[in-house]
C-alpha atoms as a PDB file:
ATOM      1  CA  UNK A   1       0.000   0.000   0.000  1.00  0.00           C
ATOM      2  CA  UNK A   2       2.837   2.389   0.842  1.00  0.00           C
ATOM      3  CA  UNK A   3       4.508   1.679  -2.508  1.00  0.00           C
ATOM      4  CA  UNK A   4       1.224   2.241  -4.396  1.00  0.00           C
ATOM      5  CA  UNK A   5       0.653   5.519  -2.558  1.00  0.00           C
ATOM      6  CA  UNK A   6       4.177   6.681  -3.355  1.00  0.00           C
ATOM      7  CA  UNK A   7       3.693   5.848  -7.040  1.00  0.00           C
ATOM      8  CA  UNK A   8       0.429   7.784  -7.126  1.00  0.00           C
ATOM      9  CA  UNK A   9       2.129  10.816  -5.554  1.00  0.00           C
ATOM     10  CA  UNK A  10       5.016  10.679  -8.028  1.00  0.00           C
ATOM     11  CA  UNK A  11       2.679  10.329 -11.028  1.00  0.00           C
ATOM     12  CA  UNK A  12       0.530  13.268  -9.921  1.00  0.00           C
ATOM     13  CA  UNK A  13       3.528  15.474  -9.155  1.00  0.00           C
ATOM     14  CA  UNK A  14       5.180  14.627 -12.462  1.00  0.00           C
ATOM     15  CA  UNK A  15       1.943  15.381 -14.319  1.00  0.00           C
ATOM     16  CA  UNK A  16       1.580  18.701 -12.509  1.00  0.00           C
ATOM     17  CA  UNK A  17       5.153  19.657 -13.379  1.00  0.00           C
ATOM     18  CA  UNK A  18       4.675  18.610 -17.006  1.00  0.00           C
ATOM     19  CA  UNK A  19       1.650  20.873 -17.472  1.00  0.00           C
ATOM     20  CA  UNK A  20       2.731  23.470 -14.938  1.00  0.00           C
ATOM     21  CA  UNK A  21       3.192  26.239 -17.481  1.00  0.00           C
ATOM     22  CA  UNK A  22      -0.304  26.102 -19.071  1.00  0.00           C
ATOM     23  CA  UNK A  23      -1.927  25.565 -15.687  1.00  0.00           C
ATOM     24  CA  UNK A  24      -0.478  28.757 -14.227  1.00  0.00           C
ATOM     25  CA  UNK A  25      -2.198  30.745 -16.994  1.00  0.00           C
ATOM     26  CA  UNK A  26      -5.628  29.361 -16.139  1.00  0.00           C
ATOM     27  CA  UNK A  27      -7.156  31.818 -13.702  1.00  0.00           C
ATOM     28  CA  UNK A  28      -8.544  30.142 -10.610  1.00  0.00           C
ATOM     29  CA  UNK A  29      -6.133  27.223 -10.582  1.00  0.00           C
ATOM     30  CA  UNK A  30      -4.086  28.723  -7.758  1.00  0.00           C
ATOM     31  CA  UNK A  31      -7.015  28.352  -5.368  1.00  0.00           C
ATOM     32  CA  UNK A  32      -7.646  24.736  -6.328  1.00  0.00           C
ATOM     33  CA  UNK A  33      -4.178  23.181  -6.412  1.00  0.00           C
ATOM     34  CA  UNK A  34      -1.610  23.198  -3.596  1.00  0.00           C
ATOM     35  CA  UNK A  35      -0.329  25.177  -1.888  1.00  0.00           C
ATOM     36  CA  UNK A  36      -3.726  26.913  -1.776  1.00  0.00           C
ATOM     37  CA  UNK A  37      -4.394  29.397   1.015  1.00  0.00           C
ATOM     38  CA  UNK A  38      -8.115  29.231   0.188  1.00  0.00           C
ATOM     39  CA  UNK A  39      -8.237  25.490   0.948  1.00  0.00           C
ATOM     40  CA  UNK A  40      -6.404  26.163   4.219  1.00  0.00           C
ATOM     41  CA  UNK A  41      -9.010  28.835   5.018  1.00  0.00           C
ATOM     42  CA  UNK A  42     -11.770  26.315   4.289  1.00  0.00           C
ATOM     43  CA  UNK A  43     -10.070  23.818   6.605  1.00  0.00           C
ATOM     44  CA  UNK A  44     -10.252  26.365   9.438  1.00  0.00           C
ATOM     45  CA  UNK A  45     -13.839  27.370   8.654  1.00  0.00           C
ATOM     46  CA  UNK A  46     -15.022  23.750   8.444  1.00  0.00           C
ATOM     47  CA  UNK A  47     -13.668  22.859  11.845  1.00  0.00           C
ATOM     48  CA  UNK A  48     -10.452  21.064  10.916  1.00  0.00           C
ATOM     49  CA  UNK A  49     -10.938  19.206   7.628  1.00  0.00           C
ATOM     50  CA  UNK A  50      -7.600  17.614   6.704  1.00  0.00           C
ATOM     51  CA  UNK A  51      -5.469  20.092   4.757  1.00  0.00           C
ATOM     52  CA  UNK A  52      -3.473  17.235   3.211  1.00  0.00           C
ATOM     53  CA  UNK A  53      -6.703  15.630   1.962  1.00  0.00           C
ATOM     54  CA  UNK A  54      -7.925  18.959   0.570  1.00  0.00           C
ATOM     55  CA  UNK A  55      -4.606  19.554  -1.166  1.00  0.00           C
ATOM     56  CA  UNK A  56      -4.645  16.170  -2.881  1.00  0.00           C
ATOM     57  CA  UNK A  57      -8.368  16.494  -3.678  1.00  0.00           C
ATOM     58  CA  UNK A  58      -7.735  19.769  -5.492  1.00  0.00           C
ATOM     59  CA  UNK A  59      -5.487  18.316  -8.186  1.00  0.00           C
ATOM     60  CA  UNK A  60      -8.139  16.782 -10.447  1.00  0.00           C
ATOM     61  CA  UNK A  61     -10.595  19.746 -10.247  1.00  0.00           C
ATOM     62  CA  UNK A  62      -7.648  22.051 -10.955  1.00  0.00           C
ATOM     63  CA  UNK A  63      -6.632  20.009 -13.986  1.00  0.00           C
ATOM     64  CA  UNK A  64     -10.264  19.991 -15.190  1.00  0.00           C
ATOM     65  CA  UNK A  65     -10.383  23.797 -14.964  1.00  0.00           C
ATOM     66  CA  UNK A  66      -7.056  24.060 -16.835  1.00  0.00           C
ATOM     67  CA  UNK A  67      -8.139  21.682 -19.591  1.00  0.00           C
ATOM     68  CA  UNK A  68     -11.406  23.603 -20.063  1.00  0.00           C
ATOM     69  CA  UNK A  69      -9.440  26.829 -20.568  1.00  0.00           C
ATOM     70  CA  UNK A  70      -6.884  25.163 -22.841  1.00  0.00           C
ATOM     71  CA  UNK A  71      -9.590  23.644 -25.069  1.00  0.00           C
ATOM     72  CA  UNK A  72     -11.382  26.995 -25.414  1.00  0.00           C
ATOM     73  CA  UNK A  73      -8.091  28.795 -26.116  1.00  0.00           C
ATOM     74  CA  UNK A  74      -7.225  26.379 -28.913  1.00  0.00           C
ATOM     75  CA  UNK A  75     -10.744  26.638 -30.340  1.00  0.00           C
ATOM     76  CA  UNK A  76     -10.737  30.453 -30.326  1.00  0.00           C
ATOM     77  CA  UNK A  77      -7.206  30.645 -31.717  1.00  0.00           C
ATOM     78  CA  UNK A  78      -8.180  28.507 -34.717  1.00  0.00           C
ATOM     79  CA  UNK A  79     -11.523  30.251 -35.175  1.00  0.00           C
ATOM     80  CA  UNK A  80      -9.978  33.727 -35.123  1.00  0.00           C
ATOM     81  CA  UNK A  81      -7.000  32.714 -37.223  1.00  0.00           C
ATOM     82  CA  UNK A  82      -4.307  33.635 -34.721  1.00  0.00           C
ATOM     83  CA  UNK A  83      -0.784  33.301 -36.122  1.00  0.00           C
ATOM     84  CA  UNK A  84       2.453  33.151 -34.157  1.00  0.00           C
ATOM     85  CA  UNK A  85       4.323  36.353 -35.033  1.00  0.00           C
ATOM     86  CA  UNK A  86       7.175  35.955 -32.556  1.00  0.00           C
ATOM     87  CA  UNK A  87      10.669  35.643 -33.868  1.00  0.00           C
ATOM     88  CA  UNK A  88      12.186  32.183 -33.803  1.00  0.00           C
ATOM     89  CA  UNK A  89      10.274  29.004 -33.289  1.00  0.00           C
ATOM     90  CA  UNK A  90       9.142  26.819 -30.427  1.00  0.00           C
ATOM     91  CA  UNK A  91      10.834  23.454 -30.475  1.00  0.00           C
ATOM     92  CA  UNK A  92      11.657  20.711 -27.983  1.00  0.00           C
ATOM     93  CA  UNK A  93      15.041  22.261 -27.228  1.00  0.00           C
ATOM     94  CA  UNK A  94      13.524  25.613 -26.273  1.00  0.00           C
ATOM     95  CA  UNK A  95      10.835  23.840 -24.286  1.00  0.00           C
ATOM     96  CA  UNK A  96      13.471  21.833 -22.415  1.00  0.00           C
ATOM     97  CA  UNK A  97      15.575  24.901 -21.617  1.00  0.00           C
ATOM     98  CA  UNK A  98      12.504  26.803 -20.400  1.00  0.00           C
ATOM     99  CA  UNK A  99      11.377  23.839 -18.303  1.00  0.00           C
ATOM    100  CA  UNK A 100      14.792  23.505 -16.648  1.00  0.00           C
ATOM    101  CA  UNK A 101      14.831  27.217 -15.908  1.00  0.00           C
ATOM    102  CA  UNK A 102      11.395  26.974 -14.253  1.00  0.00           C
ATOM    103  CA  UNK A 103      12.109  23.670 -12.491  1.00  0.00           C
ATOM    104  CA  UNK A 104      13.381  25.159  -9.182  1.00  0.00           C
ATOM    105  CA  UNK A 105      10.175  27.181  -8.780  1.00  0.00           C
ATOM    106  CA  UNK A 106       7.938  24.319  -9.943  1.00  0.00           C
ATOM    107  CA  UNK A 107       9.666  21.990  -7.468  1.00  0.00           C
ATOM    108  CA  UNK A 108       7.997  23.909  -4.648  1.00  0.00           C
ATOM    109  CA  UNK A 109       4.980  21.644  -5.035  1.00  0.00           C
ATOM    110  CA  UNK A 110       7.152  18.564  -4.479  1.00  0.00           C
ATOM    111  CA  UNK A 111       8.710  20.057  -1.364  1.00  0.00           C
ATOM    112  CA  UNK A 112       5.394  21.112   0.195  1.00  0.00           C
ATOM    113  CA  UNK A 113       3.134  18.210  -0.734  1.00  0.00           C
ATOM    114  CA  UNK A 114       5.875  15.605  -0.357  1.00  0.00           C
ATOM    115  CA  UNK A 115       6.678  16.915   3.119  1.00  0.00           C
ATOM    116  CA  UNK A 116       3.031  16.962   4.231  1.00  0.00           C
ATOM    117  CA  UNK A 117       2.111  13.549   2.821  1.00  0.00           C
ATOM    118  CA  UNK A 118       5.385  12.045   4.037  1.00  0.00           C
ATOM    119  CA  UNK A 119       4.803  13.338   7.563  1.00  0.00           C
ATOM    120  CA  UNK A 120       7.951  15.460   7.594  1.00  0.00           C
ATOM    121  CA  UNK A 121       5.967  18.537   8.644  1.00  0.00           C
ATOM    122  CA  UNK A 122       2.370  19.650   9.116  1.00  0.00           C
ATOM    123  CA  UNK A 123       0.398  21.798   6.678  1.00  0.00           C
ATOM    124  CA  UNK A 124       1.060  24.881   8.812  1.00  0.00           C
ATOM    125  CA  UNK A 125       4.778  24.147   8.912  1.00  0.00           C
ATOM    126  CA  UNK A 126       4.599  23.444   5.175  1.00  0.00           C
ATOM    127  CA  UNK A 127       3.460  27.033   4.616  1.00  0.00           C
ATOM    128  CA  UNK A 128       6.556  28.295   6.422  1.00  0.00           C
ATOM    129  CA  UNK A 129       8.759  25.926   4.410  1.00  0.00           C
ATOM    130  CA  UNK A 130       7.149  27.195   1.186  1.00  0.00           C
ATOM    131  CA  UNK A 131       7.876  30.801   2.158  1.00  0.00           C
ATOM    132  CA  UNK A 132      11.499  30.025   2.993  1.00  0.00           C
ATOM    133  CA  UNK A 133      11.973  27.997  -0.194  1.00  0.00           C
ATOM    134  CA  UNK A 134      10.427  30.761  -2.330  1.00  0.00           C
ATOM    135  CA  UNK A 135      12.608  33.359  -0.624  1.00  0.00           C
ATOM    136  CA  UNK A 136      15.768  31.393  -1.366  1.00  0.00           C
ATOM    137  CA  UNK A 137      14.778  30.946  -5.034  1.00  0.00           C
ATOM    138  CA  UNK A 138      13.919  34.647  -5.384  1.00  0.00           C
ATOM    139  CA  UNK A 139      17.221  35.735  -3.827  1.00  0.00           C
ATOM    140  CA  UNK A 140      19.176  33.279  -5.985  1.00  0.00           C
ATOM    141  CA  UNK A 141      17.487  34.696  -9.111  1.00  0.00           C
ATOM    142  CA  UNK A 142      18.042  38.267  -7.864  1.00  0.00           C
ATOM    143  CA  UNK A 143      14.329  39.033  -7.826  1.00  0.00           C
ATOM    144  CA  UNK A 144      14.337  40.482  -4.293  1.00  0.00           C
ATOM    145  CA  UNK A 145      16.297  43.419  -2.882  1.00  0.00           C
ATOM    146  CA  UNK A 146      16.399  44.678   0.711  1.00  0.00           C
ATOM    147  CA  UNK A 147      13.910  47.411  -0.187  1.00  0.00           C
ATOM    148  CA  UNK A 148      11.466  45.069  -1.908  1.00  0.00           C
ATOM    149  CA  UNK A 149      11.895  42.503   0.873  1.00  0.00           C
ATOM    150  CA  UNK A 150      10.656  45.017   3.445  1.00  0.00           C
ATOM    151  CA  UNK A 151       7.667  45.878   1.220  1.00  0.00           C
ATOM    152  CA  UNK A 152       6.868  42.160   0.937  1.00  0.00           C
ATOM    153  CA  UNK A 153       7.038  41.734   4.725  1.00  0.00           C
ATOM    154  CA  UNK A 154       4.663  44.688   5.267  1.00  0.00           C
ATOM    155  CA  UNK A 155       2.211  43.421   2.649  1.00  0.00           C
ATOM    156  CA  UNK A 156       2.336  39.892   4.117  1.00  0.00           C
ATOM    157  CA  UNK A 157       1.624  41.271   7.592  1.00  0.00           C
ATOM    158  CA  UNK A 158      -1.414  43.137   6.272  1.00  0.00           C
ATOM    159  CA  UNK A 159      -2.701  40.040   4.503  1.00  0.00           C
ATOM    160  CA  UNK A 160      -2.103  37.812   7.544  1.00  0.00           C
ATOM    161  CA  UNK A 161      -3.872  40.308   9.793  1.00  0.00           C
ATOM    162  CA  UNK A 162      -6.876  40.341   7.469  1.00  0.00           C
ATOM    163  CA  UNK A 163      -7.041  36.539   7.364  1.00  0.00           C
ATOM    164  CA  UNK A 164      -6.761  36.244  11.152  1.00  0.00           C
ATOM    165  CA  UNK A 165      -9.482  38.870  11.600  1.00  0.00           C
ATOM    166  CA  UNK A 166     -11.776  37.162   9.100  1.00  0.00           C
ATOM    167  CA  UNK A 167     -11.160  33.799  10.742  1.00  0.00           C
ATOM    168  CA  UNK A 168     -12.067  35.235  14.138  1.00  0.00           C
ATOM    169  CA  UNK A 169     -15.201  36.884  12.753  1.00  0.00           C
ATOM    170  CA  UNK A 170     -16.181  33.656  11.004  1.00  0.00           C
ATOM    171  CA  UNK A 171     -15.937  31.783  14.298  1.00  0.00           C
ATOM    172  CA  UNK A 172     -18.234  34.358  15.917  1.00  0.00           C
ATOM    173  CA  UNK A 173     -20.554  34.131  12.916  1.00  0.00           C
ATOM    174  CA  UNK A 174     -20.579  30.345  13.209  1.00  0.00           C
ATOM    175  CA  UNK A 175     -21.523  30.569  16.887  1.00  0.00           C
ATOM    176  CA  UNK A 176     -24.287  33.087  16.144  1.00  0.00           C
ATOM    177  CA  UNK A 177     -25.638  30.941  13.328  1.00  0.00           C
ATOM    178  CA  UNK A 178     -25.595  27.845  15.521  1.00  0.00           C
ATOM    179  CA  UNK A 179     -27.300  29.708  18.387  1.00  0.00           C
ATOM    180  CA  UNK A 180     -30.007  31.110  16.127  1.00  0.00           C
ATOM    181  CA  UNK A 181     -30.300  27.782  14.243  1.00  0.00           C
ATOM    182  CA  UNK A 182     -29.875  29.459  10.853  1.00  0.00           C
ATOM    183  CA  UNK A 183     -28.313  26.363   9.205  1.00  0.00           C
ATOM    184  CA  UNK A 184     -31.220  24.235  10.363  1.00  0.00           C
ATOM    185  CA  UNK A 185     -33.682  26.809   9.041  1.00  0.00           C
ATOM    186  CA  UNK A 186     -31.951  26.971   5.676  1.00  0.00           C
ATOM    187  CA  UNK A 187     -31.702  23.183   5.561  1.00  0.00           C
ATOM    188  CA  UNK A 188     -35.402  22.785   6.309  1.00  0.00           C
ATOM    189  CA  UNK A 189     -36.249  25.379   3.647  1.00  0.00           C
ATOM    190  CA  UNK A 190     -34.097  23.665   1.023  1.00  0.00           C
ATOM    191  CA  UNK A 191     -35.191  20.156   1.965  1.00  0.00           C
ATOM    192  CA  UNK A 192     -38.786  21.329   2.117  1.00  0.00           C
ATOM    193  CA  UNK A 193     -38.512  22.580  -1.447  1.00  0.00           C
ATOM    194  CA  UNK A 194     -37.053  19.381  -2.860  1.00  0.00           C
ATOM    195  CA  UNK A 195     -35.656  16.088  -1.662  1.00  0.00           C
ATOM    196  CA  UNK A 196     -33.536  15.560  -4.752  1.00  0.00           C
ATOM    197  CA  UNK A 197     -29.801  15.630  -4.130  1.00  0.00           C
ATOM    198  CA  UNK A 198     -29.266  16.819  -7.706  1.00  0.00           C
ATOM    199  CA  UNK A 199     -31.557  19.836  -7.250  1.00  0.00           C
ATOM    200  CA  UNK A 200     -30.140  20.682  -3.816  1.00  0.00           C
ATOM    201  CA  UNK A 201     -26.596  20.787  -5.199  1.00  0.00           C
ATOM    202  CA  UNK A 202     -27.826  22.817  -8.173  1.00  0.00           C
ATOM    203  CA  UNK A 203     -29.509  25.376  -5.883  1.00  0.00           C
ATOM    204  CA  UNK A 204     -26.345  25.623  -3.782  1.00  0.00           C
ATOM    205  CA  UNK A 205     -24.213  26.127  -6.889  1.00  0.00           C
ATOM    206  CA  UNK A 206     -26.469  28.921  -8.131  1.00  0.00           C
ATOM    207  CA  UNK A 207     -26.298  30.707  -4.771  1.00  0.00           C
ATOM    208  CA  UNK A 208     -22.501  30.404  -4.661  1.00  0.00           C
ATOM    209  CA  UNK A 209     -22.071  31.502  -8.278  1.00  0.00           C
ATOM    210  CA  UNK A 210     -24.152  34.641  -7.778  1.00  0.00           C
ATOM    211  CA  UNK A 211     -22.515  35.457  -4.434  1.00  0.00           C
ATOM    212  CA  UNK A 212     -19.035  34.863  -5.849  1.00  0.00           C
ATOM    213  CA  UNK A 213     -19.500  37.654  -8.382  1.00  0.00           C
ATOM    214  CA  UNK A 214     -19.769  40.170  -5.530  1.00  0.00           C
ATOM    215  CA  UNK A 215     -17.374  38.771  -2.916  1.00  0.00           C
ATOM    216  CA  UNK A 216     -13.703  37.885  -2.604  1.00  0.00           C
ATOM    217  CA  UNK A 217     -13.007  34.177  -2.213  1.00  0.00           C
ATOM    218  CA  UNK A 218     -11.587  33.981   1.379  1.00  0.00           C
ATOM    219  CA  UNK A 219     -14.424  35.967   3.039  1.00  0.00           C
ATOM    220  CA  UNK A 220     -17.002  34.015   1.043  1.00  0.00           C
ATOM    221  CA  UNK A 221     -15.468  30.721   2.187  1.00  0.00           C
ATOM    222  CA  UNK A 222     -15.659  31.865   5.799  1.00  0.00           C
ATOM    223  CA  UNK A 223     -19.310  32.892   5.415  1.00  0.00           C
ATOM    224  CA  UNK A 224     -20.759  30.052   3.345  1.00  0.00           C
ATOM    225  CA  UNK A 225     -18.919  27.123   4.925  1.00  0.00           C
ATOM    226  CA  UNK A 226     -20.852  27.187   8.231  1.00  0.00           C
ATOM    227  CA  UNK A 227     -24.068  27.804   6.281  1.00  0.00           C
ATOM    228  CA  UNK A 228     -23.935  24.964   3.745  1.00  0.00           C
ATOM    229  CA  UNK A 229     -21.621  22.366   5.293  1.00  0.00           C
ATOM    230  CA  UNK A 230     -24.079  21.154   7.984  1.00  0.00           C
ATOM    231  CA  UNK A 231     -26.776  20.747   5.328  1.00  0.00           C
ATOM    232  CA  UNK A 232     -24.661  18.726   2.931  1.00  0.00           C
ATOM    233  CA  UNK A 233     -23.006  16.538   5.564  1.00  0.00           C
ATOM    234  CA  UNK A 234     -26.521  15.610   6.690  1.00  0.00           C
ATOM    235  CA  UNK A 235     -27.183  14.503   3.120  1.00  0.00           C
ATOM    236  CA  UNK A 236     -23.986  12.450   2.985  1.00  0.00           C
ATOM    237  CA  UNK A 237     -21.671  14.858   1.129  1.00  0.00           C
ATOM    238  CA  UNK A 238     -18.065  14.539   2.319  1.00  0.00           C
ATOM    239  CA  UNK A 239     -16.559  17.793   3.713  1.00  0.00           C
ATOM    240  CA  UNK A 240     -13.587  17.459   1.338  1.00  0.00           C
ATOM    241  CA  UNK A 241     -15.918  17.141  -1.656  1.00  0.00           C
ATOM    242  CA  UNK A 242     -17.943  20.153  -0.531  1.00  0.00           C
ATOM    243  CA  UNK A 243     -14.738  22.146  -0.049  1.00  0.00           C
ATOM    244  CA  UNK A 244     -13.749  21.682  -3.675  1.00  0.00           C
ATOM    245  CA  UNK A 245     -17.281  22.491  -4.896  1.00  0.00           C
ATOM    246  CA  UNK A 246     -17.256  25.658  -2.786  1.00  0.00           C
ATOM    247  CA  UNK A 247     -13.825  26.867  -3.899  1.00  0.00           C
ATOM    248  CA  UNK A 248     -14.458  26.024  -7.568  1.00  0.00           C
ATOM    249  CA  UNK A 249     -17.700  28.036  -7.501  1.00  0.00           C
ATOM    250  CA  UNK A 250     -16.184  31.070  -5.810  1.00  0.00           C
ATOM    251  CA  UNK A 251     -13.121  31.096  -8.084  1.00  0.00           C
ATOM    252  CA  UNK A 252     -15.430  31.664 -11.049  1.00  0.00           C
ATOM    253  CA  UNK A 253     -16.344  34.975  -9.418  1.00  0.00           C
ATOM    254  CA  UNK A 254     -12.738  36.128  -9.873  1.00  0.00           C
ATOM    255  CA  UNK A 255     -13.297  36.284 -13.633  1.00  0.00           C
ATOM    256  CA  UNK A 256     -16.859  37.615 -13.724  1.00  0.00           C
ATOM    257  CA  UNK A 257     -18.167  41.195 -13.439  1.00  0.00           C
ATOM    258  CA  UNK A 258     -19.027  43.293 -11.502  1.00  0.00           C
ATOM    259  CA  UNK A 259     -16.142  42.577  -9.091  1.00  0.00           C
ATOM    260  CA  UNK A 260     -13.927  40.080 -10.941  1.00  0.00           C
ATOM    261  CA  UNK A 261     -10.592  41.359  -9.614  1.00  0.00           C
ATOM    262  CA  UNK A 262      -8.497  39.061 -11.789  1.00  0.00           C
ATOM    263  CA  UNK A 263     -10.559  39.821 -14.888  1.00  0.00           C
ATOM    264  CA  UNK A 264     -10.095  43.582 -14.575  1.00  0.00           C
ATOM    265  CA  UNK A 265      -6.382  43.238 -13.848  1.00  0.00           C
ATOM    266  CA  UNK A 266      -6.020  41.174 -17.031  1.00  0.00           C
ATOM    267  CA  UNK A 267      -8.009  43.766 -18.990  1.00  0.00           C
ATOM    268  CA  UNK A 268      -5.735  46.522 -17.753  1.00  0.00           C
ATOM    269  CA  UNK A 269      -2.580  44.573 -18.592  1.00  0.00           C
ATOM    270  CA  UNK A 270      -3.946  43.725 -22.051  1.00  0.00           C
ATOM    271  CA  UNK A 271      -4.888  47.375 -22.650  1.00  0.00           C
ATOM    272  CA  UNK A 272      -8.414  46.446 -23.723  1.00  0.00           C
ATOM    273  CA  UNK A 273     -11.976  46.938 -22.471  1.00  0.00           C
ATOM    274  CA  UNK A 274     -14.641  44.798 -20.839  1.00  0.00           C
ATOM    275  CA  UNK A 275     -16.908  45.207 -23.868  1.00  0.00           C
ATOM    276  CA  UNK A 276     -14.274  43.707 -26.167  1.00  0.00           C
ATOM    277  CA  UNK A 277     -13.346  40.859 -23.804  1.00  0.00           C
ATOM    278  CA  UNK A 278     -16.763  39.591 -22.704  1.00  0.00           C
ATOM    279  CA  UNK A 279     -17.848  37.933 -26.006  1.00  0.00           C
ATOM    280  CA  UNK A 280     -14.791  35.670 -25.737  1.00  0.00           C
ATOM    281  CA  UNK A 281     -15.094  35.194 -21.975  1.00  0.00           C
ATOM    282  CA  UNK A 282     -18.540  33.659 -22.478  1.00  0.00           C
ATOM    283  CA  UNK A 283     -16.850  30.666 -24.125  1.00  0.00           C
ATOM    284  CA  UNK A 284     -14.620  30.217 -21.082  1.00  0.00           C
ATOM    285  CA  UNK A 285     -17.562  30.574 -18.703  1.00  0.00           C
ATOM    286  CA  UNK A 286     -19.420  27.820 -20.523  1.00  0.00           C
ATOM    287  CA  UNK A 287     -16.455  25.443 -20.414  1.00  0.00           C
ATOM    288  CA  UNK A 288     -15.662  26.158 -16.750  1.00  0.00           C
ATOM    289  CA  UNK A 289     -19.319  25.604 -15.797  1.00  0.00           C
ATOM    290  CA  UNK A 290     -19.180  22.183 -17.465  1.00  0.00           C
ATOM    291  CA  UNK A 291     -16.162  21.474 -15.260  1.00  0.00           C
ATOM    292  CA  UNK A 292     -18.142  22.646 -12.221  1.00  0.00           C
ATOM    293  CA  UNK A 293     -20.910  20.168 -12.982  1.00  0.00           C
ATOM    294  CA  UNK A 294     -18.347  17.362 -13.233  1.00  0.00           C
ATOM    295  CA  UNK A 295     -16.759  18.298  -9.898  1.00  0.00           C
ATOM    296  CA  UNK A 296     -20.174  18.643  -8.253  1.00  0.00           C
ATOM    297  CA  UNK A 297     -21.849  15.451  -9.430  1.00  0.00           C
ATOM    298  CA  UNK A 298     -18.843  13.111  -9.701  1.00  0.00           C
ATOM    299  CA  UNK A 299     -17.427  12.902  -6.149  1.00  0.00           C
ATOM    300  CA  UNK A 300     -14.678  10.511  -7.255  1.00  0.00           C
ATOM    301  CA  UNK A 301     -12.931  13.364  -9.073  1.00  0.00           C
ATOM    302  CA  UNK A 302     -12.325  15.067  -5.732  1.00  0.00           C
ATOM    303  CA  UNK A 303     -12.193  12.118  -3.355  1.00  0.00           C
ATOM    304  CA  UNK A 304     -10.439   9.465  -5.449  1.00  0.00           C
ATOM    305  CA  UNK A 305      -6.870  10.618  -4.899  1.00  0.00           C
ATOM    306  CA  UNK A 306      -7.053  11.365  -1.139  1.00  0.00           C
ATOM    307  CA  UNK A 307      -8.833   8.039  -0.599  1.00  0.00           C
ATOM    308  CA  UNK A 308      -6.148   6.180  -2.565  1.00  0.00           C
ATOM    309  CA  UNK A 309      -3.549   7.779  -0.284  1.00  0.00           C
ATOM    310  CA  UNK A 310      -5.488   6.925   2.875  1.00  0.00           C
ATOM    311  CA  UNK A 311      -6.056  10.580   3.808  1.00  0.00           C
ATOM    312  CA  UNK A 312      -9.837  10.210   4.235  1.00  0.00           C
END
């Protein structure tokens, strides 16, 4: 069993490294695949769901999201007649050189996940190891100076303070909701409307999709986890499975108006407008929603890998 688990880990890590470059260009992947701070936030909000299990469960949904974006990109490129106008050509040699150059940074996933799964350190300690590893790589590549390092420390302190505050507020919110029996009320309302698991998951997805267009992902995770998790666990949905459904839904909000932080950053970088981008984004929305349905209604996609590794 230990040998089989090790082989599974190596195959997944190798696959992630092999497609690492296209995956990083698929918006939303960072919240689904390790090391994801959103999954760690969900672990806290859900009362201690295994971070290692969540990390391993996020691989397949993350790959599904990436493949959806890749398929649409290829389709649109051929439909619009895009031609490569860059000098030179892309060949296996250039690909190999680029891969070797990116390998130290891509190896972060092996260090973090390998350490957590192997029991070398906990998920919390893994975050510290990831920071130290990234710092060493950045210094080695001369990407960080003393001035920029101080700015990074200040920004990290602000972000950590926000997360700690939100976590504390979410705990208070969870207590208030439990005291006022809001989850039970919502559960009774949903179950009173329909007893179909398919419809219940569909209603939940619609609520999360709409809410995700107006909210950032971490606060939304802290708010909706105590609301929906008790309902779905009552119906037999595994907390790890629900975590991936929740994060996948909310990540779609990062690329949808009116908030869509990532979408508007990309528009600014591309020096274009929302009106010009949206007709093409509709194709991506359709493909990503197909991926959402797969993640929602095929639990094996999320639970297969952590179960094979004995994490759940």
